[in-house]
Amino acid sequence: MPRRGRRRRMSPRSRLYKTEAIVLRSMDLGEADRVLTVLTPRLGKLRIIAKGIRRPRSRLGGGLEPFSDVHLVLAVGRTFDVVTGVALEDPHLGLRNDLHSTAAAWYVVELADRFCEGAADSHGAFVLLAQALAALDAPADAVSREIVARWFELHLLDAMGFRPELSRCLDCGAAITPEGNAFSPVAGGVLCGICASTTLGARSISTDAFKVLRHLQRCELAEVLQLSLAPRLHREVERLLYATVSAVLERELRSRDFLEEVAARDSTRPLAASRP
């Protein structure tokens, strides 16, 4: 009688995989578990479960908090993959000690979360988010948090395929000069003075705001960390970029209210005027 073939069992090790990740948000589940949403450089956005993490003696520790950059060991699960090991790359503890940094961090994290909805190619967004969180974690006098947020908006739009056009008119293709232009958040870029009147939703843009946008778009983050703008100029740039982000995402961001509330409290602190 021929021997029956034995059913091959999957090795426990084959169910494990490793990845770096940034924790975007978390949600308590049951009495001791927590469901985490994380962004990875190669696997996109994942929802994973940290079992027993809320117990006092959990071996997972306190590393799995929003904003933390971690290295994970995950086991394939039925509904959620399960965290079996954690190593901290950078907990970004400074973000939790300063309200303004916390607000800016929540904003850039939510932006990454929304833009990477179902996205498989997340490497660019991951790198940008890691840079932004590291910058926001720096001492307050070493970095302009507002500029970090504006830089992140522009470069995340670029990484996700929505790079704003700042060199040529979106309508006629003519080279743009600094003066007399408009900006269309819906179309995603600048328009010359002639074409602006025929484009729905076009907004006038000052010469200084146009220069700031172009400067931020072509610079690395380290080059603009201490750039400061007059309050009126920063508000113009902020509104144009947020309108562009909202047009792409087709939704408002919850962290925006928190960011504006904190900014309102800080409105008495003047920003030194400077131009790129």
Protein backbone atom coordinates (compact mmCIF):
# COMPACT_ATOMS: atom_id res chain seq x y z
CA MET A 1 0.00 0.00 0.00
CA PRO A 2 1.49 3.37 -1.00
CA ARG A 3 2.26 5.75 1.82
CA ARG A 4 0.05 8.75 2.07
CA GLY A 5 1.78 12.08 1.56
CA ARG A 6 1.96 14.13 4.70
CA ARG A 7 0.52 17.62 4.69
CA ARG A 8 3.35 20.11 4.77
CA ARG A 9 3.10 22.57 7.62
CA MET A 10 4.22 26.15 7.24
CA SER A 11 7.22 26.96 9.36
CA PRO A 12 6.52 29.62 11.98
CA ARG A 13 9.50 31.58 10.66
CA SER A 14 8.00 31.83 7.18
CA ARG A 15 5.06 33.75 8.62
CA LEU A 16 7.33 36.46 10.02
CA TYR A 17 8.59 39.54 8.21
CA LYS A 18 10.37 42.74 9.15
CA THR A 19 9.84 46.34 8.18
CA GLU A 20 10.64 49.85 9.31
CA ALA A 21 7.51 51.89 10.02
CA ILE A 22 6.24 55.22 11.32
CA VAL A 23 3.21 54.99 13.57
CA LEU A 24 0.45 57.23 12.20
CA ARG A 25 -2.38 56.53 14.64
CA SER A 26 -3.66 53.97 17.10
CA MET A 27 -6.96 52.68 18.46
CA ASP A 28 -7.61 50.65 21.59
CA LEU A 29 -9.16 47.24 21.02
CA GLY A 30 -10.66 45.11 23.76
CA GLU A 31 -9.13 45.20 27.21
CA ALA A 32 -5.44 45.15 26.35
CA ASP A 33 -4.82 45.27 22.58
CA ARG A 34 -4.24 48.17 20.24
CA VAL A 35 -4.73 48.47 16.47
CA LEU A 36 -2.06 50.60 14.80
CA THR A 37 -1.93 52.26 11.42
CA VAL A 38 1.67 52.50 10.23
CA LEU A 39 3.42 53.75 7.12
CA THR A 40 6.26 51.63 5.75
CA PRO A 41 8.83 52.45 3.07
CA ARG A 42 8.07 49.43 0.87
CA LEU A 43 4.79 47.82 1.95
CA GLY A 44 2.55 50.87 1.90
CA LYS A 45 0.22 51.61 4.77
CA LEU A 46 -0.56 48.72 7.12
CA ARG A 47 -3.05 48.10 9.91
CA ILE A 48 -1.51 45.85 12.52
CA ILE A 49 -2.37 44.70 16.04
CA ALA A 50 -0.19 44.91 19.14
CA LYS A 51 -1.63 42.29 21.46
CA GLY A 52 -1.49 42.97 25.18
CA ILE A 53 0.36 46.24 24.72
CA ARG A 54 -1.81 48.05 27.27
CA ARG A 55 -0.91 45.65 30.04
CA PRO A 56 1.62 47.04 32.55
CA ARG A 57 4.13 44.26 31.89
CA SER A 58 3.80 44.16 28.10
CA ARG A 59 7.11 43.31 26.45
CA LEU A 60 6.23 45.59 23.54
CA GLY A 61 6.80 48.59 25.80
CA GLY A 62 5.85 52.17 24.99
CA GLY A 63 7.54 52.41 21.61
CA LEU A 64 4.40 52.04 19.52
CA GLU A 65 3.10 55.58 19.92
CA PRO A 66 2.09 57.97 17.12
CA PHE A 67 5.09 59.71 15.49
CA SER A 68 7.51 56.93 16.51
CA ASP A 69 9.91 55.54 13.90
CA VAL A 70 10.30 51.84 14.66
CA HIS A 71 11.58 48.55 13.28
CA LEU A 72 8.90 45.86 13.51
CA VAL A 73 8.78 42.10 13.38
CA LEU A 74 5.30 41.09 12.22
CA ALA A 75 3.51 37.75 11.99
CA VAL A 76 0.91 37.21 9.30
CA GLY A 77 -2.55 37.12 10.87
CA ARG A 78 -6.11 36.49 9.72
CA THR A 79 -7.46 40.02 10.03
CA PHE A 80 -4.46 42.06 11.15
CA ASP A 81 -0.81 41.13 11.12
CA VAL A 82 0.53 40.85 14.67
CA VAL A 83 3.46 42.72 16.21
CA THR A 84 5.92 40.22 17.69
CA GLY A 85 8.92 42.50 18.12
CA VAL A 86 9.75 46.22 18.25
CA ALA A 87 13.00 48.16 18.10
CA LEU A 88 12.95 51.94 18.35
CA GLU A 89 14.66 53.92 15.62
CA ASP A 90 13.50 57.32 16.94
CA PRO A 91 10.57 57.89 19.35
CA HIS A 92 10.52 61.66 18.62
CA LEU A 93 9.87 62.40 22.27
CA GLY A 94 10.32 66.13 21.77
CA LEU A 95 7.14 66.26 19.71
CA ARG A 96 5.13 65.45 22.82
CA ASN A 97 6.71 68.16 24.96
CA ASP A 98 5.79 71.17 22.82
CA LEU A 99 2.21 71.95 21.79
CA HIS A 100 3.19 73.67 18.54
CA SER A 101 5.39 70.78 17.47
CA THR A 102 2.65 68.31 18.41
CA ALA A 103 0.08 70.16 16.29
CA ALA A 104 2.40 70.35 13.28
CA ALA A 105 3.31 66.67 13.68
CA TRP A 106 -0.34 65.60 13.72
CA TYR A 107 -0.89 67.62 10.56
CA VAL A 108 1.97 66.10 8.54
CA VAL A 109 1.09 62.61 9.81
CA GLU A 110 -2.54 62.99 8.75
CA LEU A 111 -1.43 64.28 5.35
CA ALA A 112 0.72 61.20 4.83
CA ASP A 113 -2.09 58.99 6.08
CA ARG A 114 -4.62 60.44 3.62
CA PHE A 115 -2.33 60.58 0.61
CA CYS A 116 -1.18 56.99 1.09
CA GLU A 117 -4.69 55.55 1.25
CA GLY A 118 -4.26 52.19 -0.42
CA ALA A 119 -0.98 53.28 -2.03
CA ALA A 120 1.56 50.53 -2.65
CA ASP A 121 4.43 52.88 -3.52
CA SER A 122 5.00 54.66 -0.23
CA HIS A 123 8.78 55.10 -0.21
CA GLY A 124 8.75 58.78 -1.14
CA ALA A 125 6.06 59.65 1.40
CA PHE A 126 7.85 57.65 4.10
CA VAL A 127 11.16 59.46 3.55
CA LEU A 128 9.48 62.88 3.56
CA LEU A 129 7.51 62.11 6.70
CA ALA A 130 10.63 60.87 8.51
CA GLN A 131 12.44 64.10 7.55
CA ALA A 132 9.54 66.31 8.66
CA LEU A 133 9.10 64.59 12.03
CA ALA A 134 12.83 64.75 12.73
CA ALA A 135 12.83 68.48 11.93
CA LEU A 136 9.80 69.16 14.12
CA ASP A 137 11.49 67.25 16.94
CA ALA A 138 14.35 69.77 16.96
CA PRO A 139 14.48 72.61 19.53
CA ALA A 140 11.96 75.35 18.82
CA ASP A 141 14.63 77.99 18.16
CA ALA A 142 16.35 75.77 15.58
CA VAL A 143 13.46 75.31 13.19
CA SER A 144 10.43 77.10 11.76
CA ARG A 145 7.56 74.65 12.27
CA GLU A 146 5.35 76.53 9.80
CA ILE A 147 7.97 76.24 7.07
CA VAL A 148 8.42 72.52 7.74
CA ALA A 149 4.67 72.02 7.19
CA ARG A 150 4.67 74.09 3.98
CA TRP A 151 7.74 72.26 2.64
CA PHE A 152 6.16 68.92 3.46
CA GLU A 153 2.90 69.81 1.66
CA LEU A 154 4.73 70.79 -1.52
CA HIS A 155 7.07 67.81 -1.59
CA LEU A 156 4.39 65.28 -0.65
CA LEU A 157 2.23 66.55 -3.52
CA ASP A 158 5.24 66.00 -5.78
CA ALA A 159 5.96 62.50 -4.43
CA MET A 160 2.37 61.40 -4.93
CA GLY A 161 2.15 62.67 -8.52
CA PHE A 162 0.51 66.06 -7.94
CA ARG A 163 3.50 68.39 -8.29
CA PRO A 164 2.23 72.00 -8.56
CA GLU A 165 3.31 73.68 -11.78
CA LEU A 166 5.25 76.84 -10.88
CA SER A 167 7.28 77.47 -14.03
CA ARG A 168 4.78 77.69 -16.90
CA CYS A 169 1.17 78.79 -17.26
CA LEU A 170 -1.12 75.80 -16.88
CA ASP A 171 -3.32 77.08 -19.70
CA CYS A 172 -1.15 78.55 -22.43
CA GLY A 173 2.23 77.10 -21.44
CA ALA A 174 4.01 80.45 -21.41
CA ALA A 175 6.97 80.90 -19.07
CA ILE A 176 5.86 82.53 -15.83
CA THR A 177 7.37 85.79 -14.62
CA PRO A 178 7.10 86.61 -10.91
CA GLU A 179 4.47 89.36 -11.22
CA GLY A 180 0.81 89.49 -12.24
CA ASN A 181 -0.07 85.81 -11.90
CA ALA A 182 -2.80 83.68 -10.37
CA PHE A 183 -2.82 80.27 -8.73
CA SER A 184 -5.40 77.52 -9.23
CA PRO A 185 -5.60 74.99 -6.35
CA VAL A 186 -7.92 72.74 -8.38
CA ALA A 187 -5.73 72.75 -11.51
CA GLY A 188 -2.59 72.62 -9.40
CA GLY A 189 -0.39 75.49 -10.44
CA VAL A 190 0.10 79.03 -11.68
CA LEU A 191 -1.59 80.90 -14.49
CA CYS A 192 -0.41 83.98 -16.33
CA GLY A 193 -2.40 87.17 -15.97
CA ILE A 194 -4.10 86.67 -19.34
CA CYS A 195 -5.30 83.11 -18.68
CA ALA A 196 -6.26 83.67 -15.03
CA SER A 197 -9.56 85.36 -15.90
CA THR A 198 -10.77 82.30 -17.82
CA THR A 199 -9.88 79.65 -15.22
CA LEU A 200 -12.44 78.72 -12.60
CA GLY A 201 -11.22 79.02 -9.02
CA ALA A 202 -8.03 80.92 -9.86
CA ARG A 203 -6.74 83.12 -7.05
CA SER A 204 -4.37 86.02 -7.30
CA ILE A 205 -0.90 85.31 -5.93
CA SER A 206 1.53 87.95 -4.75
CA THR A 207 5.05 88.14 -6.13
CA ASP A 208 6.54 87.23 -2.74
CA ALA A 209 4.25 84.22 -2.26
CA PHE A 210 5.14 82.97 -5.73
CA LYS A 211 8.85 83.26 -4.93
CA VAL A 212 8.39 81.42 -1.62
CA LEU A 213 6.58 78.54 -3.32
CA ARG A 214 9.29 78.16 -5.94
CA HIS A 215 12.02 78.37 -3.31
CA LEU A 216 10.42 75.69 -1.13
CA GLN A 217 9.77 73.43 -4.10
CA ARG A 218 13.39 73.40 -5.27
CA CYS A 219 15.07 73.20 -1.84
CA GLU A 220 15.87 70.35 0.50
CA LEU A 221 14.36 70.63 3.97
CA ALA A 222 17.71 71.37 5.64
CA GLU A 223 18.06 74.50 3.48
CA VAL A 224 14.83 76.13 4.70
CA LEU A 225 14.55 75.05 8.34
CA GLN A 226 15.12 78.54 9.67
CA LEU A 227 13.38 80.48 6.94
CA SER A 228 10.90 82.91 8.50
CA LEU A 229 8.15 84.85 6.79
CA ALA A 230 6.06 87.85 7.67
CA PRO A 231 2.70 86.63 9.07
CA ARG A 232 0.68 87.94 6.13
CA LEU A 233 2.97 86.29 3.59
CA HIS A 234 2.94 82.99 5.44
CA ARG A 235 -0.88 83.01 5.63
CA GLU A 236 -1.10 83.53 1.87
CA VAL A 237 1.26 80.63 1.14
CA GLU A 238 -0.47 78.43 3.72
CA ARG A 239 -3.94 79.04 2.28
CA LEU A 240 -2.84 78.35 -1.29
CA LEU A 241 -1.16 75.08 -0.36
CA TYR A 242 -3.94 73.89 1.92
CA ALA A 243 -6.50 74.63 -0.81
CA THR A 244 -4.39 72.55 -3.21
CA VAL A 245 -4.10 69.65 -0.76
CA SER A 246 -7.86 69.75 -0.07
CA ALA A 247 -8.64 69.77 -3.80
CA VAL A 248 -6.52 66.64 -4.34
CA LEU A 249 -7.84 64.77 -1.30
CA GLU A 250 -11.41 66.05 -1.74
CA ARG A 251 -11.75 66.32 2.02
CA GLU A 252 -10.83 68.50 4.98
CA LEU A 253 -8.22 67.38 7.50
CA ARG A 254 -9.20 66.99 11.14
CA SER A 255 -5.77 68.03 12.40
CA ARG A 256 -6.19 71.37 10.64
CA ASP A 257 -8.50 72.67 13.36
CA PHE A 258 -5.99 71.78 16.06
CA LEU A 259 -3.19 73.41 14.10
CA GLU A 260 -5.17 76.64 13.65
CA GLU A 261 -6.17 76.70 17.32
CA VAL A 262 -2.53 76.45 18.41
CA ALA A 263 -1.47 79.03 15.83
CA ALA A 264 -4.13 81.44 17.13
CA ARG A 265 -2.70 81.13 20.65
CA ASP A 266 0.72 81.92 19.25
CA SER A 267 -0.41 84.82 17.06
CA THR A 268 1.11 87.42 19.37
CA ARG A 269 4.63 86.15 18.61
CA PRO A 270 5.94 88.04 15.54
CA LEU A 271 7.71 86.25 12.75
CA ALA A 272 10.78 88.03 11.43
CA ALA A 273 10.29 88.97 7.79
CA SER A 274 12.75 87.55 5.29
CA ARG A 275 12.66 86.52 1.68
CA PRO A 276 14.24 83.52 0.00
